[in-house]
Amino acid sequence: MHPEILRELSAQRGREMRDRAHRARLAKMARGSRRHGRDLPDDDFVIPVIPDYVDGSFRTDRPVGQVTSETGQTPAGRAA
């Protein structure tokens, strides 16, 4: 293999390993601070709502005939 290709592959592997070590170090710090009762700074991350069905509708406790998606379509698999 050409020496330049070997050098670039080696450099790429080194970058990947350093990045992996950095992420592992951050994870270890987060676990340690949680374990010792110190809280990490709160971020404003909100988990998005995930639809229950492919057509974007959500499961509800309403009767089957009244269940529709946001677009007004009856969910797939519901015979009309």
PDB file of N, CA and C in Angstrom:
ATOM      1  N   MET A   1       0.852  -1.167   0.000  1.00  0.00           N
ATOM      2  CA  MET A   1       0.000   0.000   0.000  1.00  0.00           C
ATOM      3  C   MET A   1       0.906   1.241   0.000  1.00  0.00           C
ATOM      4  N   HIS A   2       0.428   2.285  -0.629  1.00  0.00           N
ATOM      5  CA  HIS A   2       1.205   3.517  -0.744  1.00  0.00           C
ATOM      6  C   HIS A   2       1.400   4.151   0.637  1.00  0.00           C
ATOM      7  N   PRO A   3       2.597   4.677   0.910  1.00  0.00           N
ATOM      8  CA  PRO A   3       2.880   5.256   2.240  1.00  0.00           C
ATOM      9  C   PRO A   3       1.934   6.390   2.635  1.00  0.00           C
ATOM     10  N   GLU A   4       1.504   7.205   1.675  1.00  0.00           N
ATOM     11  CA  GLU A   4       0.585   8.307   1.994  1.00  0.00           C
ATOM     12  C   GLU A   4      -0.775   7.778   2.444  1.00  0.00           C
ATOM     13  N   ILE A   5      -1.222   6.718   1.807  1.00  0.00           N
ATOM     14  CA  ILE A   5      -2.503   6.120   2.192  1.00  0.00           C
ATOM     15  C   ILE A   5      -2.393   5.532   3.594  1.00  0.00           C
ATOM     16  N   LEU A   6      -1.289   4.829   3.859  1.00  0.00           N
ATOM     17  CA  LEU A   6      -1.078   4.273   5.199  1.00  0.00           C
ATOM     18  C   LEU A   6      -1.030   5.370   6.258  1.00  0.00           C
ATOM     19  N   ARG A   7      -0.353   6.468   5.942  1.00  0.00           N
ATOM     20  CA  ARG A   7      -0.251   7.579   6.884  1.00  0.00           C
ATOM     21  C   ARG A   7      -1.632   8.181   7.159  1.00  0.00           C
ATOM     22  N   GLU A   8      -2.422   8.356   6.091  1.00  0.00           N
ATOM     23  CA  GLU A   8      -3.761   8.930   6.267  1.00  0.00           C
ATOM     24  C   GLU A   8      -4.676   7.984   7.045  1.00  0.00           C
ATOM     25  N   LEU A   9      -4.594   6.687   6.777  1.00  0.00           N
ATOM     26  CA  LEU A   9      -5.385   5.719   7.530  1.00  0.00           C
ATOM     27  C   LEU A   9      -5.002   5.720   9.006  1.00  0.00           C
ATOM     28  N   SER A  10      -3.720   5.821   9.275  1.00  0.00           N
ATOM     29  CA  SER A  10      -3.245   5.866  10.655  1.00  0.00           C
ATOM     30  C   SER A  10      -3.729   7.137  11.351  1.00  0.00           C
ATOM     31  N   ALA A  11      -3.683   8.266  10.653  1.00  0.00           N
ATOM     32  CA  ALA A  11      -4.148   9.526  11.231  1.00  0.00           C
ATOM     33  C   ALA A  11      -5.652   9.474  11.500  1.00  0.00           C
ATOM     34  N   GLN A  12      -6.398   8.895  10.563  1.00  0.00           N
ATOM     35  CA  GLN A  12      -7.838   8.787  10.735  1.00  0.00           C
ATOM     36  C   GLN A  12      -8.168   7.913  11.947  1.00  0.00           C
ATOM     37  N   ARG A  13      -7.470   6.806  12.070  1.00  0.00           N
ATOM     38  CA  ARG A  13      -7.692   5.909  13.215  1.00  0.00           C
ATOM     39  C   ARG A  13      -7.363   6.632  14.524  1.00  0.00           C
ATOM     40  N   GLY A  14      -6.292   7.405  14.525  1.00  0.00           N
ATOM     41  CA  GLY A  14      -5.923   8.160  15.718  1.00  0.00           C
ATOM     42  C   GLY A  14      -6.995   9.168  16.106  1.00  0.00           C
ATOM     43  N   ARG A  15      -7.542   9.880  15.110  1.00  0.00           N
ATOM     44  CA  ARG A  15      -8.613  10.846  15.382  1.00  0.00           C
ATOM     45  C   ARG A  15      -9.842  10.144  15.953  1.00  0.00           C
ATOM     46  N   GLU A  16     -10.200   9.009  15.358  1.00  0.00           N
ATOM     47  CA  GLU A  16     -11.370   8.273  15.835  1.00  0.00           C
ATOM     48  C   GLU A  16     -11.171   7.787  17.267  1.00  0.00           C
ATOM     49  N   MET A  17      -9.981   7.301  17.574  1.00  0.00           N
ATOM     50  CA  MET A  17      -9.710   6.803  18.926  1.00  0.00           C
ATOM     51  C   MET A  17      -9.714   7.944  19.943  1.00  0.00           C
ATOM     52  N   ARG A  18      -9.157   9.102  19.574  1.00  0.00           N
ATOM     53  CA  ARG A  18      -9.172  10.252  20.487  1.00  0.00           C
ATOM     54  C   ARG A  18     -10.606  10.715  20.734  1.00  0.00           C
ATOM     55  N   ASP A  19     -11.431  10.747  19.679  1.00  0.00           N
ATOM     56  CA  ASP A  19     -12.829  11.140  19.823  1.00  0.00           C
ATOM     57  C   ASP A  19     -13.578  10.156  20.715  1.00  0.00           C
ATOM     58  N   ARG A  20     -13.321   8.877  20.519  1.00  0.00           N
ATOM     59  CA  ARG A  20     -13.962   7.848  21.341  1.00  0.00           C
ATOM     60  C   ARG A  20     -13.546   7.984  22.809  1.00  0.00           C
ATOM     61  N   ALA A  21     -12.271   8.238  23.048  1.00  0.00           N
ATOM     62  CA  ALA A  21     -11.786   8.412  24.417  1.00  0.00           C
ATOM     63  C   ALA A  21     -12.412   9.653  25.061  1.00  0.00           C
ATOM     64  N   HIS A  22     -12.565  10.707  24.283  1.00  0.00           N
ATOM     65  CA  HIS A  22     -13.169  11.938  24.791  1.00  0.00           C
ATOM     66  C   HIS A  22     -14.620  11.690  25.204  1.00  0.00           C
ATOM     67  N   ARG A  23     -15.381  10.993  24.336  1.00  0.00           N
ATOM     68  CA  ARG A  23     -16.775  10.692  24.660  1.00  0.00           C
ATOM     69  C   ARG A  23     -16.872   9.785  25.886  1.00  0.00           C
ATOM     70  N   ALA A  24     -15.971   8.834  26.002  1.00  0.00           N
ATOM     71  CA  ALA A  24     -15.974   7.940  27.168  1.00  0.00           C
ATOM     72  C   ALA A  24     -15.660   8.718  28.436  1.00  0.00           C
ATOM     73  N   ARG A  25     -14.724   9.672  28.345  1.00  0.00           N
ATOM     74  CA  ARG A  25     -14.371  10.493  29.500  1.00  0.00           C
ATOM     75  C   ARG A  25     -15.563  11.352  29.930  1.00  0.00           C
ATOM     76  N   LEU A  26     -16.292  11.928  28.963  1.00  0.00           N
ATOM     77  CA  LEU A  26     -17.475  12.729  29.292  1.00  0.00           C
ATOM     78  C   LEU A  26     -18.546  11.873  29.960  1.00  0.00           C
ATOM     79  N   ALA A  27     -18.757  10.667  29.440  1.00  0.00           N
ATOM     80  CA  ALA A  27     -19.750   9.769  30.027  1.00  0.00           C
ATOM     81  C   ALA A  27     -19.361   9.386  31.444  1.00  0.00           C
ATOM     82  N   LYS A  28     -18.093   9.128  31.660  1.00  0.00           N
ATOM     83  CA  LYS A  28     -17.618   8.756  32.997  1.00  0.00           C
ATOM     84  C   LYS A  28     -17.812   9.912  33.973  1.00  0.00           C
ATOM     85  N   MET A  29     -17.540  11.135  33.512  1.00  0.00           N
ATOM     86  CA  MET A  29     -17.742  12.299  34.375  1.00  0.00           C
ATOM     87  C   MET A  29     -19.221  12.463  34.720  1.00  0.00           C
ATOM     88  N   ALA A  30     -20.095  12.248  33.743  1.00  0.00           N
ATOM     89  CA  ALA A  30     -21.535  12.389  33.990  1.00  0.00           C
ATOM     90  C   ALA A  30     -22.014  11.346  34.989  1.00  0.00           C
ATOM     91  N   ARG A  31     -21.570  10.108  34.817  1.00  0.00           N
ATOM     92  CA  ARG A  31     -21.961   9.052  35.759  1.00  0.00           C
ATOM     93  C   ARG A  31     -21.440   9.361  37.164  1.00  0.00           C
ATOM     94  N   GLY A  32     -20.209   9.810  37.229  1.00  0.00           N
ATOM     95  CA  GLY A  32     -19.617  10.112  38.536  1.00  0.00           C
ATOM     96  C   GLY A  32     -20.328  11.239  39.249  1.00  0.00           C
ATOM     97  N   SER A  33     -20.684  12.285  38.510  1.00  0.00           N
ATOM     98  CA  SER A  33     -21.359  13.406  39.160  1.00  0.00           C
ATOM     99  C   SER A  33     -22.757  13.014  39.608  1.00  0.00           C
ATOM    100  N   ARG A  34     -23.432  12.171  38.842  1.00  0.00           N
ATOM    101  CA  ARG A  34     -24.760  11.700  39.260  1.00  0.00           C
ATOM    102  C   ARG A  34     -24.634  10.792  40.485  1.00  0.00           C
ATOM    103  N   ARG A  35     -23.618   9.974  40.495  1.00  0.00           N
ATOM    104  CA  ARG A  35     -23.423   9.026  41.594  1.00  0.00           C
ATOM    105  C   ARG A  35     -23.144   9.762  42.900  1.00  0.00           C
ATOM    106  N   HIS A  36     -22.418  10.864  42.818  1.00  0.00           N
ATOM    107  CA  HIS A  36     -22.034  11.596  44.020  1.00  0.00           C
ATOM    108  C   HIS A  36     -23.024  12.695  44.378  1.00  0.00           C
ATOM    109  N   GLY A  37     -24.173  12.696  43.715  1.00  0.00           N
ATOM    110  CA  GLY A  37     -25.233  13.624  44.078  1.00  0.00           C
ATOM    111  C   GLY A  37     -25.118  15.001  43.467  1.00  0.00           C
ATOM    112  N   ARG A  38     -24.141  15.221  42.645  1.00  0.00           N
ATOM    113  CA  ARG A  38     -24.031  16.521  41.988  1.00  0.00           C
ATOM    114  C   ARG A  38     -24.835  16.461  40.700  1.00  0.00           C
ATOM    115  N   ASP A  39     -25.650  17.452  40.492  1.00  0.00           N
ATOM    116  CA  ASP A  39     -26.461  17.486  39.278  1.00  0.00           C
ATOM    117  C   ASP A  39     -25.716  18.185  38.159  1.00  0.00           C
ATOM    118  N   LEU A  40     -25.908  17.678  36.978  1.00  0.00           N
ATOM    119  CA  LEU A  40     -25.375  18.346  35.802  1.00  0.00           C
ATOM    120  C   LEU A  40     -26.289  19.512  35.477  1.00  0.00           C
ATOM    121  N   PRO A  41     -25.794  20.498  34.768  1.00  0.00           N
ATOM    122  CA  PRO A  41     -26.666  21.626  34.426  1.00  0.00           C
ATOM    123  C   PRO A  41     -27.855  21.140  33.603  1.00  0.00           C
ATOM    124  N   ASP A  42     -29.021  21.660  33.940  1.00  0.00           N
ATOM    125  CA  ASP A  42     -30.225  21.272  33.212  1.00  0.00           C
ATOM    126  C   ASP A  42     -30.230  21.925  31.839  1.00  0.00           C
ATOM    127  N   ASP A  43     -30.583  21.134  30.860  1.00  0.00           N
ATOM    128  CA  ASP A  43     -30.768  21.696  29.535  1.00  0.00           C
ATOM    129  C   ASP A  43     -32.264  21.718  29.255  1.00  0.00           C
ATOM    130  N   ASP A  44     -32.657  22.381  28.226  1.00  0.00           N
ATOM    131  CA  ASP A  44     -34.071  22.524  27.903  1.00  0.00           C
ATOM    132  C   ASP A  44     -34.517  21.482  26.891  1.00  0.00           C
ATOM    133  N   PHE A  45     -33.923  20.296  26.946  1.00  0.00           N
ATOM    134  CA  PHE A  45     -34.279  19.246  26.011  1.00  0.00           C
ATOM    135  C   PHE A  45     -35.652  18.696  26.358  1.00  0.00           C
ATOM    136  N   VAL A  46     -36.508  18.643  25.361  1.00  0.00           N
ATOM    137  CA  VAL A  46     -37.855  18.107  25.530  1.00  0.00           C
ATOM    138  C   VAL A  46     -37.998  16.922  24.591  1.00  0.00           C
ATOM    139  N   ILE A  47     -38.451  15.807  25.115  1.00  0.00           N
ATOM    140  CA  ILE A  47     -38.640  14.632  24.285  1.00  0.00           C
ATOM    141  C   ILE A  47     -39.850  14.865  23.383  1.00  0.00           C
ATOM    142  N   PRO A  48     -39.672  14.733  22.065  1.00  0.00           N
ATOM    143  CA  PRO A  48     -40.796  14.980  21.164  1.00  0.00           C
ATOM    144  C   PRO A  48     -41.852  13.876  21.285  1.00  0.00           C
ATOM    145  N   VAL A  49     -43.072  14.231  20.991  1.00  0.00           N
ATOM    146  CA  VAL A  49     -44.167  13.273  21.027  1.00  0.00           C
ATOM    147  C   VAL A  49     -44.042  12.363  19.816  1.00  0.00           C
ATOM    148  N   ILE A  50     -44.135  11.064  20.039  1.00  0.00           N
ATOM    149  CA  ILE A  50     -44.004  10.092  18.961  1.00  0.00           C
ATOM    150  C   ILE A  50     -45.363   9.465  18.709  1.00  0.00           C
ATOM    151  N   PRO A  51     -45.856   9.540  17.470  1.00  0.00           N
ATOM    152  CA  PRO A  51     -47.163   8.958  17.164  1.00  0.00           C
ATOM    153  C   PRO A  51     -47.161   7.447  17.373  1.00  0.00           C
ATOM    154  N   ASP A  52     -48.323   6.911  17.707  1.00  0.00           N
ATOM    155  CA  ASP A  52     -48.463   5.477  17.916  1.00  0.00           C
ATOM    156  C   ASP A  52     -48.636   4.716  16.610  1.00  0.00           C
ATOM    157  N   TYR A  53     -49.094   5.396  15.584  1.00  0.00           N
ATOM    158  CA  TYR A  53     -49.367   4.737  14.316  1.00  0.00           C
ATOM    159  C   TYR A  53     -48.593   5.406  13.184  1.00  0.00           C
ATOM    160  N   VAL A  54     -48.422   4.666  12.095  1.00  0.00           N
ATOM    161  CA  VAL A  54     -47.646   5.138  10.951  1.00  0.00           C
ATOM    162  C   VAL A  54     -48.237   6.394  10.336  1.00  0.00           C
ATOM    163  N   ASP A  55     -49.539   6.526  10.342  1.00  0.00           N
ATOM    164  CA  ASP A  55     -50.169   7.678   9.704  1.00  0.00           C
ATOM    165  C   ASP A  55     -50.107   8.937  10.571  1.00  0.00           C
ATOM    166  N   GLY A  56     -49.460   8.869  11.717  1.00  0.00           N
ATOM    167  CA  GLY A  56     -49.282  10.040  12.566  1.00  0.00           C
ATOM    168  C   GLY A  56     -50.330  10.188  13.654  1.00  0.00           C
ATOM    169  N   SER A  57     -51.213   9.221  13.789  1.00  0.00           N
ATOM    170  CA  SER A  57     -52.253   9.319  14.809  1.00  0.00           C
ATOM    171  C   SER A  57     -51.736   8.746  16.132  1.00  0.00           C
ATOM    172  N   PHE A  58     -52.489   9.055  17.169  1.00  0.00           N
ATOM    173  CA  PHE A  58     -52.126   8.620  18.504  1.00  0.00           C
ATOM    174  C   PHE A  58     -53.193   7.682  19.048  1.00  0.00           C
ATOM    175  N   ARG A  59     -52.783   6.757  19.869  1.00  0.00           N
ATOM    176  CA  ARG A  59     -53.730   5.833  20.487  1.00  0.00           C
ATOM    177  C   ARG A  59     -54.531   6.588  21.536  1.00  0.00           C
ATOM    178  N   THR A  60     -55.831   6.406  21.518  1.00  0.00           N
ATOM    179  CA  THR A  60     -56.694   7.069  22.489  1.00  0.00           C
ATOM    180  C   THR A  60     -57.645   6.047  23.078  1.00  0.00           C
ATOM    181  N   ASP A  61     -58.405   6.481  24.054  1.00  0.00           N
ATOM    182  CA  ASP A  61     -59.386   5.602  24.686  1.00  0.00           C
ATOM    183  C   ASP A  61     -60.760   5.764  24.056  1.00  0.00           C
ATOM    184  N   ARG A  62     -60.841   6.523  22.955  1.00  0.00           N
ATOM    185  CA  ARG A  62     -62.123   6.705  22.280  1.00  0.00           C
ATOM    186  C   ARG A  62     -62.513   5.436  21.533  1.00  0.00           C
ATOM    187  N   PRO A  63     -63.790   5.271  21.242  1.00  0.00           N
ATOM    188  CA  PRO A  63     -64.220   4.116  20.457  1.00  0.00           C
ATOM    189  C   PRO A  63     -63.523   4.085  19.102  1.00  0.00           C
ATOM    190  N   VAL A  64     -63.369   2.902  18.546  1.00  0.00           N
ATOM    191  CA  VAL A  64     -62.630   2.701  17.299  1.00  0.00           C
ATOM    192  C   VAL A  64     -63.149   3.588  16.181  1.00  0.00           C
ATOM    193  N   GLY A  65     -64.431   3.784  16.073  1.00  0.00           N
ATOM    194  CA  GLY A  65     -65.010   4.574  14.987  1.00  0.00           C
ATOM    195  C   GLY A  65     -64.660   6.049  15.062  1.00  0.00           C
ATOM    196  N   GLN A  66     -64.259   6.547  16.222  1.00  0.00           N
ATOM    197  CA  GLN A  66     -63.972   7.969  16.381  1.00  0.00           C
ATOM    198  C   GLN A  66     -62.487   8.305  16.285  1.00  0.00           C
ATOM    199  N   VAL A  67     -61.633   7.311  16.148  1.00  0.00           N
ATOM    200  CA  VAL A  67     -60.192   7.549  16.114  1.00  0.00           C
ATOM    201  C   VAL A  67     -59.787   8.015  14.724  1.00  0.00           C
ATOM    202  N   THR A  68     -59.144   9.188  14.629  1.00  0.00           N
ATOM    203  CA  THR A  68     -58.631   9.710  13.361  1.00  0.00           C
ATOM    204  C   THR A  68     -57.275  10.344  13.589  1.00  0.00           C
ATOM    205  N   SER A  69     -56.538  10.551  12.501  1.00  0.00           N
ATOM    206  CA  SER A  69     -55.233  11.200  12.599  1.00  0.00           C
ATOM    207  C   SER A  69     -55.420  12.704  12.560  1.00  0.00           C
ATOM    208  N   GLU A  70     -54.305  13.433  12.602  1.00  0.00           N
ATOM    209  CA  GLU A  70     -54.359  14.885  12.542  1.00  0.00           C
ATOM    210  C   GLU A  70     -54.940  15.357  11.219  1.00  0.00           C
ATOM    211  N   THR A  71     -54.767  14.572  10.166  1.00  0.00           N
ATOM    212  CA  THR A  71     -55.273  14.963   8.844  1.00  0.00           C
ATOM    213  C   THR A  71     -56.707  14.511   8.641  1.00  0.00           C
ATOM    214  N   GLY A  72     -57.292  13.848   9.642  1.00  0.00           N
ATOM    215  CA  GLY A  72     -58.668  13.418   9.547  1.00  0.00           C
ATOM    216  C   GLY A  72     -58.845  12.057   8.905  1.00  0.00           C
ATOM    217  N   GLN A  73     -57.765  11.369   8.623  1.00  0.00           N
ATOM    218  CA  GLN A  73     -57.844  10.058   8.020  1.00  0.00           C
ATOM    219  C   GLN A  73     -57.986   8.991   9.105  1.00  0.00           C
ATOM    220  N   THR A  74     -58.729   7.962   8.764  1.00  0.00           N
ATOM    221  CA  THR A  74     -58.846   6.832   9.678  1.00  0.00           C
ATOM    222  C   THR A  74     -57.532   6.062   9.654  1.00  0.00           C
ATOM    223  N   PRO A  75     -57.004   5.636  10.803  1.00  0.00           N
ATOM    224  CA  PRO A  75     -55.727   4.904  10.822  1.00  0.00           C
ATOM    225  C   PRO A  75     -55.783   3.645   9.965  1.00  0.00           C
ATOM    226  N   ALA A  76     -54.663   3.295   9.386  1.00  0.00           N
ATOM    227  CA  ALA A  76     -54.568   2.088   8.556  1.00  0.00           C
ATOM    228  C   ALA A  76     -54.931   0.881   9.406  1.00  0.00           C
ATOM    229  N   GLY A  77     -55.614  -0.067   8.794  1.00  0.00           N
ATOM    230  CA  GLY A  77     -55.997  -1.274   9.507  1.00  0.00           C
ATOM    231  C   GLY A  77     -57.353  -1.153  10.177  1.00  0.00           C
ATOM    232  N   ARG A  78     -57.961   0.006  10.104  1.00  0.00           N
ATOM    233  CA  ARG A  78     -59.299   0.195  10.666  1.00  0.00           C
ATOM    234  C   ARG A  78     -60.299   0.172   9.514  1.00  0.00           C
ATOM    235  N   ALA A  79     -61.052  -0.873   9.415  1.00  0.00           N
ATOM    236  CA  ALA A  79     -62.041  -0.978   8.336  1.00  0.00           C
ATOM    237  C   ALA A  79     -63.168   0.011   8.575  1.00  0.00           C
ATOM    238  N   ALA A  80     -63.567   0.689   7.531  1.00  0.00           N
ATOM    239  CA  ALA A  80     -64.640   1.685   7.662  1.00  0.00           C
ATOM    240  C   ALA A  80     -65.982   1.054   7.428  1.00  0.00           C
TER     241      ALA A  80
END
